C-alpha cells in the first residue's frame, strides 16, 4: 500500500512539473511595466522618398591622457554603425506655386517643375549597430567597475550619423537615383490620367 501511495505522489509531481514547468526558485520573469504610448503630435508628410542608401561605417574613436600612457589612462572604441539615408522630393510646390504645374488647354500635355531632391537625416539601425571592440586603460576599467552608470554610447551614434550623412552627400548617385525614380513615378501616374506629353524638370536647389 505504501509503495502504491508513493507511486501516486511521484506521478502527481511529474504531472505538475509538466503543466507548470520546472519549479526553479532562481528563475526570473520579465514583466513589461511601460506606460502607454503618448501621441505628441501628427505631421503631414509632403516628401516623396524616392531613393534609399543602405550604408555602414566603422567609427574608430580614441581618447588618450596627455601625461599618461594609454594602458593606464585612455580608451579606444570601434563602433560598427549601419543605417540608411533617404533622398526625397518635396511636393508642396505643386500646390503652393501656380507656376510649378502647367497643363495645356486640351489636357494632353503637362509640365512640372519640382525642387531638387534633398538628403534626409540618417537613420541608424540599432539591430545592426554595435560596439565591436573597446580597449581601455587600467584606470578606466577601475572607474567602470565602481560606477553605477553604464558607458554613454550616444556620442558614438551621433558621430556615426554624421559620417553617414557626409558619405551620402559625397556620392551623387543617391540624388541622381531619386530624381530618376521621381520622374518615372510621375510619368506613369500622369500617363494614367490621359496626358501624352509630359515634361518634368528639377530646380537646381532643394527648397
N, C-alpha and C. Protein backbone atom coordinates (compact mmCIF):
# COMPACT_ATOMS: atom_id res chain seq x y z
N UNK A 1 0.83 -1.20 0.00
CA UNK A 1 0.00 0.00 0.00
C UNK A 1 0.87 1.26 0.00
N UNK A 2 1.93 1.25 0.82
CA UNK A 2 2.85 2.37 0.89
C UNK A 2 3.53 2.61 -0.45
N UNK A 3 3.89 1.54 -1.10
CA UNK A 3 4.52 1.65 -2.41
C UNK A 3 3.56 2.26 -3.42
N UNK A 4 2.28 1.87 -3.31
CA UNK A 4 1.26 2.40 -4.23
C UNK A 4 1.07 3.89 -4.02
N UNK A 5 1.03 4.36 -2.73
CA UNK A 5 0.87 5.78 -2.44
C UNK A 5 2.09 6.57 -2.90
N UNK A 6 3.27 5.98 -2.72
CA UNK A 6 4.49 6.64 -3.18
C UNK A 6 4.48 6.84 -4.68
N UNK A 7 3.99 5.85 -5.38
CA UNK A 7 3.89 5.96 -6.84
C UNK A 7 2.91 7.03 -7.26
N UNK A 8 1.77 7.14 -6.53
CA UNK A 8 0.80 8.19 -6.86
C UNK A 8 1.38 9.58 -6.64
N UNK A 9 2.11 9.73 -5.53
CA UNK A 9 2.73 11.03 -5.25
C UNK A 9 3.74 11.39 -6.33
N UNK A 10 4.57 10.44 -6.73
CA UNK A 10 5.55 10.70 -7.78
C UNK A 10 4.88 11.05 -9.09
N UNK A 11 3.78 10.34 -9.41
CA UNK A 11 3.04 10.62 -10.63
C UNK A 11 2.45 12.03 -10.60
N UNK A 12 1.91 12.43 -9.42
CA UNK A 12 1.35 13.77 -9.29
C UNK A 12 2.41 14.84 -9.47
N UNK A 13 3.61 14.62 -8.92
CA UNK A 13 4.70 15.59 -9.06
C UNK A 13 5.09 15.73 -10.52
N UNK A 14 5.14 14.60 -11.24
CA UNK A 14 5.51 14.65 -12.66
C UNK A 14 4.47 15.43 -13.45
N UNK A 15 3.18 15.19 -13.15
CA UNK A 15 2.12 15.91 -13.85
C UNK A 15 2.21 17.41 -13.60
N UNK A 16 2.46 17.81 -12.35
CA UNK A 16 2.58 19.23 -12.02
C UNK A 16 3.76 19.86 -12.74
N UNK A 17 4.88 19.14 -12.80
CA UNK A 17 6.05 19.67 -13.50
C UNK A 17 5.80 19.84 -14.98
N UNK A 18 5.04 18.91 -15.55
CA UNK A 18 4.72 19.01 -16.97
C UNK A 18 3.79 20.18 -17.25
N UNK A 19 2.91 20.50 -16.30
CA UNK A 19 1.94 21.56 -16.50
C UNK A 19 2.52 22.95 -16.26
N UNK A 20 3.29 23.12 -15.24
CA UNK A 20 3.78 24.45 -14.86
C UNK A 20 5.28 24.63 -15.13
N UNK A 21 5.96 23.57 -15.58
CA UNK A 21 7.38 23.69 -15.84
C UNK A 21 8.18 23.44 -14.58
N UNK A 22 9.49 23.38 -14.71
CA UNK A 22 10.35 23.14 -13.54
C UNK A 22 10.24 24.27 -12.54
N UNK A 23 10.10 23.91 -11.29
CA UNK A 23 9.96 24.89 -10.21
C UNK A 23 11.34 25.32 -9.73
N UNK A 24 11.96 26.19 -10.48
CA UNK A 24 13.29 26.69 -10.15
C UNK A 24 13.15 27.96 -9.31
N UNK A 25 13.55 27.94 -8.05
CA UNK A 25 13.39 29.14 -7.21
C UNK A 25 14.25 30.31 -7.68
N UNK A 26 15.26 30.05 -8.53
CA UNK A 26 16.14 31.10 -9.01
C UNK A 26 15.76 31.59 -10.40
N UNK A 27 14.68 31.06 -10.97
CA UNK A 27 14.26 31.51 -12.29
C UNK A 27 13.70 32.93 -12.21
N UNK A 28 13.77 33.64 -13.32
CA UNK A 28 13.32 35.03 -13.36
C UNK A 28 12.21 35.18 -14.38
N UNK A 29 11.42 36.20 -14.20
CA UNK A 29 10.31 36.50 -15.10
C UNK A 29 10.35 37.98 -15.45
N UNK A 30 10.29 38.28 -16.74
CA UNK A 30 10.34 39.66 -17.21
C UNK A 30 8.93 40.21 -17.35
N UNK A 31 8.69 41.35 -16.74
CA UNK A 31 7.38 41.99 -16.82
C UNK A 31 7.54 43.37 -17.46
N UNK A 32 6.70 43.65 -18.43
CA UNK A 32 6.71 44.94 -19.10
C UNK A 32 5.77 45.90 -18.39
N UNK A 33 6.35 46.86 -17.68
CA UNK A 33 5.56 47.85 -16.94
C UNK A 33 5.62 49.23 -17.62
N UNK A 34 5.89 49.25 -18.91
CA UNK A 34 5.98 50.51 -19.63
C UNK A 34 4.63 51.22 -19.65
N UNK A 35 4.68 52.53 -19.67
CA UNK A 35 3.47 53.33 -19.74
C UNK A 35 2.92 53.32 -21.17
N UNK A 36 1.63 53.58 -21.34
CA UNK A 36 1.06 53.62 -22.70
C UNK A 36 1.74 54.68 -23.55
N UNK A 37 1.76 54.42 -24.85
CA UNK A 37 2.38 55.36 -25.79
C UNK A 37 1.56 56.66 -25.81
N UNK A 38 2.27 57.77 -25.71
CA UNK A 38 1.63 59.07 -25.70
C UNK A 38 1.85 59.75 -27.05
N UNK A 39 0.78 60.04 -27.76
CA UNK A 39 0.87 60.72 -29.04
C UNK A 39 1.10 62.21 -28.81
N UNK A 40 2.26 62.70 -29.23
CA UNK A 40 2.62 64.09 -29.01
C UNK A 40 2.11 65.00 -30.13
N UNK A 41 2.20 64.54 -31.37
CA UNK A 41 1.76 65.38 -32.48
C UNK A 41 1.64 64.54 -33.74
N UNK A 42 0.94 65.09 -34.71
CA UNK A 42 0.81 64.49 -36.04
C UNK A 42 1.33 65.50 -37.06
N UNK A 43 2.06 64.99 -38.04
CA UNK A 43 2.60 65.86 -39.06
C UNK A 43 2.21 65.33 -40.44
N UNK A 44 1.86 66.25 -41.33
CA UNK A 44 1.56 65.87 -42.71
C UNK A 44 2.88 65.71 -43.47
N UNK A 45 3.02 64.59 -44.16
CA UNK A 45 4.22 64.31 -44.92
C UNK A 45 4.02 64.76 -46.36
N UNK A 46 4.91 65.61 -46.84
CA UNK A 46 4.84 66.06 -48.22
C UNK A 46 6.04 65.60 -49.02
N UNK A 47 6.99 64.94 -48.39
CA UNK A 47 8.19 64.47 -49.07
C UNK A 47 7.95 63.11 -49.70
N UNK A 48 8.34 62.97 -50.94
CA UNK A 48 8.31 61.68 -51.62
C UNK A 48 9.69 61.05 -51.48
N UNK A 49 9.77 59.94 -50.74
CA UNK A 49 11.04 59.27 -50.53
C UNK A 49 11.36 58.45 -51.77
N UNK A 50 12.26 58.98 -52.57
CA UNK A 50 12.48 58.42 -53.90
C UNK A 50 13.63 57.43 -53.96
N UNK A 51 14.53 57.45 -53.00
CA UNK A 51 15.67 56.53 -53.02
C UNK A 51 16.22 56.39 -51.60
N UNK A 52 16.78 55.22 -51.34
CA UNK A 52 17.35 54.93 -50.02
C UNK A 52 18.72 54.29 -50.19
N UNK A 53 19.70 54.79 -49.47
CA UNK A 53 21.04 54.21 -49.48
C UNK A 53 21.26 53.47 -48.17
N UNK A 54 21.59 52.18 -48.27
CA UNK A 54 21.95 51.38 -47.11
C UNK A 54 23.46 51.48 -46.92
N UNK A 55 23.88 51.95 -45.76
CA UNK A 55 25.28 52.26 -45.56
C UNK A 55 25.79 51.66 -44.26
N UNK A 56 27.12 51.50 -44.21
CA UNK A 56 27.77 51.00 -42.99
C UNK A 56 29.11 51.71 -42.83
N UNK A 57 29.43 52.04 -41.59
CA UNK A 57 30.68 52.73 -41.32
C UNK A 57 31.25 52.20 -40.01
N UNK A 58 32.57 52.14 -39.93
CA UNK A 58 33.27 51.76 -38.70
C UNK A 58 33.84 53.02 -38.07
N UNK A 59 33.33 53.37 -36.92
CA UNK A 59 33.78 54.57 -36.19
C UNK A 59 34.90 54.16 -35.25
N UNK A 60 36.04 54.78 -35.41
CA UNK A 60 37.22 54.48 -34.59
C UNK A 60 37.55 55.73 -33.78
N UNK A 61 37.26 55.67 -32.48
CA UNK A 61 37.45 56.82 -31.60
C UNK A 61 38.47 56.47 -30.52
N UNK A 62 39.44 57.33 -30.35
CA UNK A 62 40.47 57.11 -29.33
C UNK A 62 40.60 58.35 -28.45
N UNK A 63 40.60 58.13 -27.15
CA UNK A 63 40.77 59.20 -26.17
C UNK A 63 41.97 58.86 -25.29
N UNK A 64 42.95 59.73 -25.30
CA UNK A 64 44.18 59.49 -24.54
C UNK A 64 44.42 60.63 -23.55
N UNK A 65 45.06 60.27 -22.45
CA UNK A 65 45.50 61.28 -21.49
C UNK A 65 46.85 61.84 -21.95
N UNK A 66 47.08 63.11 -21.73
CA UNK A 66 48.30 63.74 -22.23
C UNK A 66 49.55 63.26 -21.52
N UNK A 67 49.45 63.02 -20.22
CA UNK A 67 50.64 62.73 -19.43
C UNK A 67 50.74 61.27 -19.01
N UNK A 68 49.80 60.44 -19.43
CA UNK A 68 49.81 59.05 -19.03
C UNK A 68 49.77 58.15 -20.26
N UNK A 69 50.43 57.01 -20.21
CA UNK A 69 50.35 56.06 -21.34
C UNK A 69 48.95 55.48 -21.46
N UNK A 70 48.62 55.01 -22.66
CA UNK A 70 47.26 54.56 -22.94
C UNK A 70 46.86 53.34 -22.13
N UNK A 71 47.83 52.48 -21.75
CA UNK A 71 47.45 51.29 -20.98
C UNK A 71 47.07 51.64 -19.54
N UNK A 72 47.40 52.85 -19.10
CA UNK A 72 47.00 53.31 -17.77
C UNK A 72 45.73 54.16 -17.86
N UNK A 73 45.71 55.13 -18.76
CA UNK A 73 44.57 56.02 -18.91
C UNK A 73 44.31 56.26 -20.39
N UNK A 74 43.17 55.82 -20.85
CA UNK A 74 42.83 56.00 -22.25
C UNK A 74 41.78 54.99 -22.69
N UNK A 75 41.18 55.27 -23.80
CA UNK A 75 40.14 54.37 -24.31
C UNK A 75 40.08 54.48 -25.83
N UNK A 76 39.97 53.33 -26.48
CA UNK A 76 39.78 53.27 -27.93
C UNK A 76 38.58 52.37 -28.21
N UNK A 77 37.65 52.88 -29.00
CA UNK A 77 36.40 52.16 -29.28
C UNK A 77 36.21 52.02 -30.78
N UNK A 78 35.89 50.82 -31.21
CA UNK A 78 35.50 50.55 -32.59
C UNK A 78 34.00 50.28 -32.61
N UNK A 79 33.29 51.12 -33.30
CA UNK A 79 31.83 51.05 -33.34
C UNK A 79 31.38 50.83 -34.77
N UNK A 80 30.71 49.72 -35.02
CA UNK A 80 30.18 49.41 -36.35
C UNK A 80 28.75 49.94 -36.42
N UNK A 81 28.53 50.89 -37.32
CA UNK A 81 27.22 51.53 -37.44
C UNK A 81 26.65 51.24 -38.82
N UNK A 82 25.39 50.80 -38.84
CA UNK A 82 24.68 50.55 -40.09
C UNK A 82 23.38 51.33 -40.08
N UNK A 83 23.05 51.90 -41.21
CA UNK A 83 21.82 52.69 -41.28
C UNK A 83 21.47 53.05 -42.71
N UNK A 84 20.52 53.93 -42.85
CA UNK A 84 20.04 54.34 -44.16
C UNK A 84 19.96 55.86 -44.25
N UNK A 85 20.10 56.34 -45.47
CA UNK A 85 19.92 57.76 -45.78
C UNK A 85 18.96 57.84 -46.96
N UNK A 86 17.87 58.58 -46.79
CA UNK A 86 16.87 58.72 -47.84
C UNK A 86 17.08 60.01 -48.61
N UNK A 87 16.75 59.95 -49.89
CA UNK A 87 16.68 61.16 -50.72
C UNK A 87 15.21 61.37 -51.07
N UNK A 88 14.72 62.59 -50.85
CA UNK A 88 13.30 62.86 -51.00
C UNK A 88 13.09 64.12 -51.84
N UNK A 89 11.90 64.19 -52.44
CA UNK A 89 11.49 65.35 -53.23
C UNK A 89 10.27 65.97 -52.57
N UNK A 90 10.32 67.27 -52.36
CA UNK A 90 9.22 67.99 -51.71
C UNK A 90 8.16 68.35 -52.75
N UNK A 91 6.95 67.83 -52.54
CA UNK A 91 5.86 68.07 -53.49
C UNK A 91 4.99 69.28 -53.12
N UNK A 92 5.35 70.01 -52.07
CA UNK A 92 4.49 71.11 -51.65
C UNK A 92 4.41 72.22 -52.69
N UNK A 93 5.46 72.34 -53.51
CA UNK A 93 5.46 73.39 -54.52
C UNK A 93 4.34 73.20 -55.54
N UNK A 94 3.91 71.96 -55.77
CA UNK A 94 2.86 71.70 -56.75
C UNK A 94 1.54 72.34 -56.34
N UNK A 95 1.31 72.49 -55.04
CA UNK A 95 0.06 73.09 -54.58
C UNK A 95 0.20 74.56 -54.21
N UNK A 96 1.41 75.01 -53.94
CA UNK A 96 1.61 76.39 -53.50
C UNK A 96 2.03 77.32 -54.63
N UNK A 97 2.80 76.79 -55.58
CA UNK A 97 3.32 77.63 -56.66
C UNK A 97 2.51 77.38 -57.93
N UNK A 98 1.78 78.36 -58.43
CA UNK A 98 0.98 78.15 -59.64
C UNK A 98 1.82 77.87 -60.87
N UNK A 99 3.10 78.25 -60.84
CA UNK A 99 3.97 78.01 -61.98
C UNK A 99 4.61 76.62 -61.94
N UNK A 100 4.41 75.89 -60.85
CA UNK A 100 5.05 74.58 -60.72
C UNK A 100 4.38 73.52 -61.58
N UNK A 101 3.10 73.69 -61.89
CA UNK A 101 2.38 72.73 -62.71
C UNK A 101 1.62 73.49 -63.79
N UNK A 102 2.00 73.25 -65.03
CA UNK A 102 1.35 73.90 -66.18
C UNK A 102 0.70 72.84 -67.06
N UNK A 103 -0.62 72.96 -67.26
CA UNK A 103 -1.38 72.00 -68.04
C UNK A 103 -1.93 72.71 -69.27
N UNK A 104 -1.84 72.06 -70.41
CA UNK A 104 -2.36 72.64 -71.65
C UNK A 104 -3.87 72.68 -71.62
N UNK A 105 -4.46 73.51 -72.51
CA UNK A 105 -5.91 73.65 -72.55
C UNK A 105 -6.60 72.34 -72.92
N UNK A 106 -5.98 71.54 -73.78
CA UNK A 106 -6.61 70.27 -74.18
C UNK A 106 -6.28 69.14 -73.21
N UNK A 107 -5.55 69.46 -72.15
CA UNK A 107 -5.19 68.47 -71.12
C UNK A 107 -4.48 67.25 -71.71
N UNK A 108 -3.64 67.53 -72.67
CA UNK A 108 -2.84 66.47 -73.27
C UNK A 108 -1.36 66.60 -72.93
N UNK A 109 -0.95 67.76 -72.47
CA UNK A 109 0.45 67.98 -72.11
C UNK A 109 0.52 68.67 -70.75
N UNK A 110 1.59 68.37 -70.04
CA UNK A 110 1.78 68.94 -68.71
C UNK A 110 3.26 69.14 -68.46
N UNK A 111 3.58 70.20 -67.75
CA UNK A 111 4.96 70.48 -67.36
C UNK A 111 5.01 70.69 -65.86
N UNK A 112 5.86 69.93 -65.17
CA UNK A 112 6.03 70.04 -63.72
C UNK A 112 7.44 70.52 -63.43
N UNK A 113 7.53 71.47 -62.51
CA UNK A 113 8.83 71.94 -62.03
C UNK A 113 8.92 71.65 -60.54
N UNK A 114 9.84 70.80 -60.18
CA UNK A 114 9.98 70.35 -58.80
C UNK A 114 11.31 70.80 -58.22
N UNK A 115 11.38 70.95 -56.90
CA UNK A 115 12.68 71.23 -56.27
C UNK A 115 13.59 70.03 -56.39
N UNK A 116 14.87 70.28 -56.37
CA UNK A 116 15.84 69.19 -56.46
C UNK A 116 15.69 68.25 -55.26
N UNK A 117 16.00 66.97 -55.44
CA UNK A 117 15.95 66.04 -54.30
C UNK A 117 16.89 66.50 -53.18
N UNK A 118 16.52 66.17 -51.99
CA UNK A 118 17.33 66.54 -50.82
C UNK A 118 17.59 65.29 -49.99
N UNK A 119 18.68 65.32 -49.25
CA UNK A 119 19.03 64.21 -48.37
C UNK A 119 18.40 64.44 -47.00
N UNK A 120 17.77 63.40 -46.48
CA UNK A 120 17.17 63.47 -45.15
C UNK A 120 18.17 63.01 -44.10
N UNK A 121 17.78 63.16 -42.85
CA UNK A 121 18.66 62.78 -41.74
C UNK A 121 18.90 61.26 -41.75
N UNK A 122 20.13 60.83 -41.48
CA UNK A 122 20.41 59.38 -41.42
C UNK A 122 19.61 58.71 -40.31
N UNK A 123 19.29 57.44 -40.53
CA UNK A 123 18.61 56.63 -39.53
C UNK A 123 19.47 55.40 -39.24
N UNK A 124 19.99 55.33 -38.02
CA UNK A 124 20.79 54.18 -37.63
C UNK A 124 19.90 53.00 -37.27
N UNK A 125 20.34 51.81 -37.64
CA UNK A 125 19.62 50.58 -37.29
C UNK A 125 20.25 50.01 -36.02
N UNK A 126 19.58 50.07 -34.87
CA UNK A 126 20.20 49.58 -33.63
C UNK A 126 20.46 48.09 -33.64
N UNK A 127 19.72 47.34 -34.45
CA UNK A 127 19.94 45.89 -34.51
C UNK A 127 21.22 45.54 -35.27
N UNK A 128 21.69 46.45 -36.11
CA UNK A 128 22.90 46.19 -36.90
C UNK A 128 24.06 47.08 -36.48
N UNK A 129 23.88 47.86 -35.44
CA UNK A 129 24.94 48.75 -34.95
C UNK A 129 25.38 48.27 -33.57
N UNK A 130 26.68 48.22 -33.37
CA UNK A 130 27.18 47.68 -32.10
C UNK A 130 28.62 48.12 -31.88
N UNK A 131 29.05 48.04 -30.61
CA UNK A 131 30.46 48.25 -30.27
C UNK A 131 31.21 46.97 -30.60
N UNK A 132 32.12 47.06 -31.56
CA UNK A 132 32.87 45.88 -32.00
C UNK A 132 34.02 45.56 -31.06
N UNK A 133 34.69 46.59 -30.59
CA UNK A 133 35.83 46.37 -29.71
C UNK A 133 36.05 47.62 -28.88
N UNK A 134 36.47 47.42 -27.63
CA UNK A 134 36.74 48.55 -26.74
C UNK A 134 37.96 48.21 -25.89
N UNK A 135 38.98 49.02 -25.99
CA UNK A 135 40.22 48.82 -25.25
C UNK A 135 40.40 50.00 -24.30
N UNK A 136 40.45 49.71 -23.01
CA UNK A 136 40.52 50.76 -22.01
C UNK A 136 41.74 50.58 -21.12
N UNK A 137 42.21 51.70 -20.61
CA UNK A 137 43.32 51.66 -19.67
C UNK A 137 42.88 51.16 -18.31
N UNK A 138 43.88 50.92 -17.45
CA UNK A 138 43.59 50.35 -16.12
C UNK A 138 42.68 51.28 -15.32
N UNK A 139 42.96 52.56 -15.31
CA UNK A 139 42.14 53.49 -14.54
C UNK A 139 40.72 53.56 -15.07
N UNK A 140 40.54 53.45 -16.37
CA UNK A 140 39.20 53.49 -16.95
C UNK A 140 38.41 52.25 -16.57
N UNK A 141 39.06 51.09 -16.58
CA UNK A 141 38.37 49.85 -16.21
C UNK A 141 37.97 49.87 -14.74
N UNK A 142 38.85 50.41 -13.89
CA UNK A 142 38.52 50.50 -12.47
C UNK A 142 37.35 51.45 -12.26
N UNK A 143 37.34 52.57 -12.97
CA UNK A 143 36.24 53.53 -12.83
C UNK A 143 34.92 52.92 -13.29
N UNK A 144 34.95 52.13 -14.36
CA UNK A 144 33.72 51.47 -14.82
C UNK A 144 33.24 50.43 -13.83
N UNK A 145 34.18 49.76 -13.15
CA UNK A 145 33.80 48.71 -12.22
C UNK A 145 33.09 49.26 -10.99
N UNK A 146 33.48 50.45 -10.55
CA UNK A 146 32.88 51.02 -9.33
C UNK A 146 31.75 51.98 -9.65
N UNK A 147 31.54 52.29 -10.92
CA UNK A 147 30.49 53.24 -11.29
C UNK A 147 29.17 52.50 -11.46
N UNK A 148 28.07 53.17 -11.10
CA UNK A 148 26.74 52.59 -11.27
C UNK A 148 26.07 53.08 -12.55
N UNK A 149 26.82 53.78 -13.38
CA UNK A 149 26.29 54.29 -14.64
C UNK A 149 27.02 53.65 -15.80
N UNK A 150 26.30 53.06 -16.75
CA UNK A 150 26.97 52.45 -17.90
C UNK A 150 27.61 53.50 -18.80
N UNK A 151 28.49 53.04 -19.67
CA UNK A 151 29.15 53.95 -20.59
C UNK A 151 28.16 54.61 -21.54
N UNK A 152 28.39 55.86 -21.82
CA UNK A 152 27.49 56.61 -22.69
C UNK A 152 27.92 56.40 -24.14
N UNK A 153 27.07 55.75 -24.92
CA UNK A 153 27.38 55.48 -26.32
C UNK A 153 26.71 56.48 -27.25
N UNK A 154 26.01 57.46 -26.71
CA UNK A 154 25.33 58.45 -27.54
C UNK A 154 26.29 59.21 -28.45
N UNK A 155 27.47 59.63 -27.95
CA UNK A 155 28.41 60.31 -28.86
C UNK A 155 28.82 59.44 -30.05
N UNK A 156 28.90 58.12 -29.85
CA UNK A 156 29.25 57.23 -30.96
C UNK A 156 28.16 57.23 -32.01
N UNK A 157 26.90 57.20 -31.56
CA UNK A 157 25.78 57.24 -32.51
C UNK A 157 25.75 58.56 -33.26
N UNK A 158 26.00 59.65 -32.56
CA UNK A 158 25.98 60.95 -33.21
C UNK A 158 27.10 61.08 -34.24
N UNK A 159 28.28 60.58 -33.90
CA UNK A 159 29.39 60.63 -34.84
C UNK A 159 29.12 59.73 -36.04
N UNK A 160 28.52 58.57 -35.80
CA UNK A 160 28.20 57.66 -36.89
C UNK A 160 27.17 58.29 -37.84
N UNK A 161 26.16 58.94 -37.28
CA UNK A 161 25.17 59.62 -38.13
C UNK A 161 25.82 60.71 -38.97
N UNK A 162 26.74 61.43 -38.39
CA UNK A 162 27.44 62.48 -39.12
C UNK A 162 28.23 61.89 -40.28
N UNK A 163 28.91 60.78 -40.05
CA UNK A 163 29.70 60.16 -41.10
C UNK A 163 28.82 59.59 -42.20
N UNK A 164 27.67 59.03 -41.85
CA UNK A 164 26.74 58.53 -42.86
C UNK A 164 26.22 59.68 -43.72
N UNK A 165 25.89 60.80 -43.08
CA UNK A 165 25.40 61.96 -43.82
C UNK A 165 26.47 62.49 -44.76
N UNK A 166 27.72 62.56 -44.30
CA UNK A 166 28.80 63.05 -45.14
C UNK A 166 29.05 62.11 -46.32
N UNK A 167 28.99 60.80 -46.08
CA UNK A 167 29.20 59.85 -47.16
C UNK A 167 28.09 59.93 -48.20
N UNK A 168 26.86 60.09 -47.75
CA UNK A 168 25.74 60.21 -48.69
C UNK A 168 25.85 61.49 -49.51
N UNK A 169 26.27 62.58 -48.87
CA UNK A 169 26.41 63.85 -49.59
C UNK A 169 27.54 63.82 -50.60
N UNK A 170 28.56 63.00 -50.34
CA UNK A 170 29.71 62.94 -51.24
C UNK A 170 29.45 62.07 -52.46
N UNK A 171 28.41 61.26 -52.42
CA UNK A 171 28.10 60.37 -53.54
C UNK A 171 26.89 60.92 -54.30
N UNK A 172 27.07 61.38 -55.54
CA UNK A 172 25.94 61.97 -56.28
C UNK A 172 24.92 60.95 -56.76
N UNK A 173 25.24 59.67 -56.68
CA UNK A 173 24.34 58.66 -57.23
C UNK A 173 23.00 58.62 -56.49
N UNK A 174 23.00 58.90 -55.21
CA UNK A 174 21.75 58.82 -54.45
C UNK A 174 20.76 59.87 -54.94
N UNK A 175 21.21 61.10 -55.11
CA UNK A 175 20.32 62.15 -55.60
C UNK A 175 19.91 61.92 -57.05
N UNK A 176 20.83 61.40 -57.85
CA UNK A 176 20.51 61.10 -59.23
C UNK A 176 19.45 60.00 -59.32
N UNK A 177 19.57 58.99 -58.46
CA UNK A 177 18.58 57.91 -58.44
C UNK A 177 17.23 58.43 -57.98
N UNK A 178 17.23 59.32 -56.99
CA UNK A 178 15.97 59.90 -56.51
C UNK A 178 15.29 60.70 -57.60
N UNK A 179 16.05 61.45 -58.36
CA UNK A 179 15.47 62.23 -59.45
C UNK A 179 14.89 61.32 -60.53
N UNK A 180 15.63 60.28 -60.87
CA UNK A 180 15.16 59.34 -61.90
C UNK A 180 13.90 58.60 -61.44
N UNK A 181 13.88 58.15 -60.19
CA UNK A 181 12.71 57.42 -59.68
C UNK A 181 11.49 58.32 -59.59
N UNK A 182 11.70 59.58 -59.19
CA UNK A 182 10.57 60.51 -59.10
C UNK A 182 9.99 60.79 -60.49
N UNK A 183 10.85 61.00 -61.45
CA UNK A 183 10.38 61.25 -62.82
C UNK A 183 9.61 60.04 -63.36
N UNK A 184 10.13 58.84 -63.12
CA UNK A 184 9.47 57.63 -63.60
C UNK A 184 8.10 57.45 -62.95
N UNK A 185 8.01 57.70 -61.63
CA UNK A 185 6.74 57.55 -60.93
C UNK A 185 5.71 58.54 -61.44
N UNK A 186 6.09 59.81 -61.61
CA UNK A 186 5.15 60.83 -62.06
C UNK A 186 4.73 60.62 -63.50
N UNK A 187 5.66 60.20 -64.34
CA UNK A 187 5.30 59.95 -65.73
C UNK A 187 4.27 58.83 -65.84
N UNK A 188 4.45 57.77 -65.07
CA UNK A 188 3.47 56.70 -65.08
C UNK A 188 2.11 57.15 -64.56
N UNK A 189 2.12 57.98 -63.52
CA UNK A 189 0.87 58.48 -62.96
C UNK A 189 0.15 59.40 -63.94
N UNK A 190 0.89 60.29 -64.57
CA UNK A 190 0.28 61.26 -65.48
C UNK A 190 -0.20 60.60 -66.78
N UNK A 191 0.50 59.62 -67.24
CA UNK A 191 0.01 58.89 -68.42
C UNK A 191 -1.30 58.18 -68.10
N UNK A 192 -1.42 57.68 -66.89
CA UNK A 192 -2.67 57.05 -66.48
C UNK A 192 -3.82 58.04 -66.42
N UNK A 193 -3.51 59.32 -66.25
CA UNK A 193 -4.54 60.36 -66.23
C UNK A 193 -4.86 60.91 -67.62
N UNK A 194 -4.20 60.40 -68.63
CA UNK A 194 -4.52 60.80 -70.00
C UNK A 194 -3.55 61.76 -70.65
N UNK A 195 -2.50 62.16 -69.98
CA UNK A 195 -1.54 63.08 -70.58
C UNK A 195 -0.62 62.32 -71.53
N UNK A 196 -0.32 62.95 -72.66
CA UNK A 196 0.52 62.33 -73.67
C UNK A 196 1.91 62.95 -73.72
N UNK A 197 2.01 64.23 -73.50
CA UNK A 197 3.29 64.92 -73.48
C UNK A 197 3.58 65.37 -72.05
N UNK A 198 4.63 64.82 -71.50
CA UNK A 198 4.95 65.07 -70.09
C UNK A 198 6.37 65.61 -70.00
N UNK A 199 6.52 66.72 -69.32
CA UNK A 199 7.83 67.33 -69.11
C UNK A 199 8.02 67.58 -67.62
N UNK A 200 9.06 67.00 -67.08
CA UNK A 200 9.33 67.13 -65.64
C UNK A 200 10.74 67.69 -65.47
N UNK A 201 10.85 68.80 -64.79
CA UNK A 201 12.13 69.45 -64.55
C UNK A 201 12.36 69.61 -63.04
N UNK A 202 13.65 69.65 -62.69
CA UNK A 202 14.03 69.83 -61.29
C UNK A 202 14.86 71.11 -61.19
N UNK A 203 14.54 71.90 -60.18
CA UNK A 203 15.34 73.10 -59.93
C UNK A 203 16.73 72.70 -59.43
N UNK A 204 17.63 73.66 -59.40
CA UNK A 204 18.99 73.34 -59.03
C UNK A 204 19.16 73.11 -57.54
N UNK A 205 18.32 73.74 -56.74
CA UNK A 205 18.46 73.66 -55.30
C UNK A 205 17.17 73.15 -54.68
N UNK A 206 17.24 72.26 -53.64
CA UNK A 206 16.04 71.86 -52.93
C UNK A 206 15.51 73.00 -52.10
N UNK A 207 14.20 73.00 -51.85
CA UNK A 207 13.61 74.05 -51.02
C UNK A 207 13.80 73.71 -49.57
